[in-house]
C-alpha atoms as a PDB file:
ATOM      1  CA  MET A   1     -60.104-128.376  56.707  1.00  0.00           C
ATOM      2  CA  VAL A   2     -56.719-129.201  55.188  1.00  0.00           C
ATOM      3  CA  PRO A   3     -57.616-127.946  51.655  1.00  0.00           C
ATOM      4  CA  ILE A   4     -58.802-124.629  53.103  1.00  0.00           C
ATOM      5  CA  LEU A   5     -55.543-124.229  55.012  1.00  0.00           C
ATOM      6  CA  LEU A   6     -53.540-125.085  51.898  1.00  0.00           C
ATOM      7  CA  VAL A   7     -55.429-122.490  49.865  1.00  0.00           C
ATOM      8  CA  LEU A   8     -54.893-119.875  52.582  1.00  0.00           C
ATOM      9  CA  LEU A   9     -51.197-120.746  52.705  1.00  0.00           C
ATOM     10  CA  LEU A  10     -50.963-120.438  48.918  1.00  0.00           C
ATOM     11  CA  ILE A  11     -52.664-117.032  49.058  1.00  0.00           C
ATOM     12  CA  LEU A  12     -50.219-115.845  51.712  1.00  0.00           C
ATOM     13  CA  ILE A  13     -47.232-117.059  49.695  1.00  0.00           C
ATOM     14  CA  LEU A  14     -48.474-115.395  46.504  1.00  0.00           C
ATOM     15  CA  PHE A  15     -49.228-112.159  48.357  1.00  0.00           C
ATOM     16  CA  GLY A  16     -45.736-112.130  49.879  1.00  0.00           C
ATOM     17  CA  ALA A  17     -44.104-112.842  46.522  1.00  0.00           C
ATOM     18  CA  GLY A  18     -46.107-110.077  44.870  1.00  0.00           C
ATOM     19  CA  PHE A  19     -45.114-107.627  47.592  1.00  0.00           C
ATOM     20  CA  ALA A  20     -41.439-108.588  47.283  1.00  0.00           C
ATOM     21  CA  TRP A  21     -41.647-108.340  43.487  1.00  0.00           C
ATOM     22  CA  GLU A  22     -43.040-104.799  43.747  1.00  0.00           C
ATOM     23  CA  ILE A  23     -40.251-103.751  46.100  1.00  0.00           C
ATOM     24  CA  LEU A  24     -37.634-105.210  43.758  1.00  0.00           C
ATOM     25  CA  TRP A  25     -39.084-103.243  40.830  1.00  0.00           C
ATOM     26  CA  TRP A  26     -38.914 -99.969  42.806  1.00  0.00           C
ATOM     27  CA  PHE A  27     -35.352-100.789  43.893  1.00  0.00           C
ATOM     28  CA  ALA A  28     -34.317-101.431  40.280  1.00  0.00           C
ATOM     29  CA  VAL A  29     -35.865 -98.140  39.149  1.00  0.00           C
ATOM     30  CA  ALA A  30     -34.058 -96.249  41.936  1.00  0.00           C
ATOM     31  CA  VAL A  31     -30.698 -97.785  40.988  1.00  0.00           C
ATOM     32  CA  LEU A  32     -31.273 -96.956  37.327  1.00  0.00           C
ATOM     33  CA  VAL A  33     -32.087 -93.319  38.131  1.00  0.00           C
ATOM     34  CA  ILE A  34     -29.008 -92.972  40.353  1.00  0.00           C
ATOM     35  CA  TRP A  35     -26.816 -94.515  37.652  1.00  0.00           C
ATOM     36  CA  LEU A  36     -28.205 -92.222  34.963  1.00  0.00           C
ATOM     37  CA  LEU A  37     -27.790 -89.122  37.142  1.00  0.00           C
ATOM     38  CA  GLY A  38     -24.195 -90.058  37.913  1.00  0.00           C
ATOM     39  CA  PHE A  39     -23.505 -90.748  34.253  1.00  0.00           C
ATOM     40  CA  PHE A  40     -24.892 -87.382  33.082  1.00  0.00           C
ATOM     41  CA  PHE A  41     -23.304 -85.330  35.862  1.00  0.00           C
ATOM     42  CA  THR A  42     -19.903 -86.919  35.301  1.00  0.00           C
ATOM     43  CA  SER A  43     -20.000 -86.528  31.517  1.00  0.00           C
ATOM     44  CA  ALA A  44     -21.178 -82.909  31.798  1.00  0.00           C
ATOM     45  CA  SER A  45     -18.494 -81.867  34.289  1.00  0.00           C
ATOM     46  CA  GLY A  46     -15.526 -83.987  33.234  1.00  0.00           C
ATOM     47  CA  GLY A  47     -15.248 -83.886  29.496  1.00  0.00           C
ATOM     48  CA  GLY A  48     -12.416 -86.403  29.660  1.00  0.00           C
ATOM     49  CA  ARG A  49     -12.432 -90.113  30.124  1.00  0.00           C
ATOM     50  CA  SER A  50     -13.061 -89.963  33.860  1.00  0.00           C
ATOM     51  CA  ARG A  51     -15.892 -92.159  35.013  1.00  0.00           C
ATOM     52  CA  TRP A  52     -17.548 -92.551  38.384  1.00  0.00           C
ATOM     53  CA  TYR A  53     -17.466 -96.342  38.077  1.00  0.00           C
ATOM     54  CA  ARG A  54     -14.759 -98.829  37.125  1.00  0.00           C
ATOM     55  CA  TRP A  55     -16.214-101.102  34.465  1.00  0.00           C
END
């Protein structure tokens, strides 16, 4: 009984990690798209050295 419960627990942990990993990938893609849009819109409108971030 204990090995079956351990396997089920391992499956639940791996499923949760996979779900969280997928969400993190979509979050990273969204941040990259927002950064690229801000970079292109600022460089197209400004022309100077103005940036929308302070790095």
